[in-house]
Amino acid sequence: MSSDASRNVRDEDAAPSILRVTRDWLVVDKPAGWHSVRGRTVAGSRGGGVLEAWLAQARPELAELRESGLVHRLDRDTSGCVVVARSLSAHADLVRRFRAGRGVRKIYLARVVPGIASDGDVNLHFTSRHKRSARVLVSDDGDARSAGRTRWRVIARDALRGDLVELELIGPGKRHQLRASCAHLGHPLVGDALYGGSAASALQLHAWRVAIDADEVEAPAPAWAHVGA
C-alpha cells in the first residue's frame, strides 16, 4: 500500500527525536510513555520523561516559550508527531490554526477490536463530567463547541491482534476524541482499558503524520503497526 505503516519502524526505547525543522516550527517524535508537559506524575506510568523539559534542554532557545513551544499535546501513552513553535508569534499563529483546524491535518495509526467497517466518517460530541474526569462522555447530539469529526479506513485486518486502522481528526479535535469515538463505534483501541479495550498491552495509538499546509511530516510507525509481524 502507498501508505505502508510497516516500512519505517520506530525504536520503542529511543528518546524523542526531531523529525523536521522549518523557520517557524519543528516536529518532534514523542515516545510512548512520555508526558507532553510538566505536571502530575501518574503512578505506574510507562517509560520516560517529559517532552517539555527535553525540548528545553535539546533546544535551549525554546525554554523561554510557554511549554517549550508545544502547540498541542499527546496522551502519555500515545507516540508520534508533536508540533513545536519556534517563536512567540509562530506559537500564537499555530495554536489558532490547530484550534480552528485551518490548514492542518493530523493522521494516526491504531489497532482496534476487530470488525470495524472498512471506512467511515463520524460526527460525535465530547464532554467531561468535571475538569479532572478521566473519561470523556460521547453522544450523537450536542452544540458546536463539543463536536468532533473522525474519518477512518482499515489498512489491514487481524482477528488476533486487532484491525490496523488509519484515523484522521477532521477539524480541531477534542480530548480523547479518537479513543472515545472508536469505543462508541464498538471497537475500542487495543490496550485502551479506560474505554473498554483489553489491558493486556499498552495503548496502540500513534500520531503518524501531521501536515501544515503542504508540508507533511511522518513519524516511524511502532512495531505493533507492522503488517504481518
Foldseek 3Di string as FASTA:
>chain_A
DVVALAPFADDLQDQKDWFDDDPWKTKIKHHAQEFAADDDDDPPTDDDYYVLVVLCVVPVQQVPPVSSQWLDTDPRRATGITMGTNDPVSSVVSNVCLQFVNQKKWKKKFFWQPDDPQKDKAKWFWAAPDDPGPGIDIDRDDDPVRIWMKIKGFPAQDNPLGTIMMIITRTNDDVCRVQQVCLVSVIGTACCVVSPHDVPDHGGMYRAWMGRNHDITGDRHHPSSNPPD
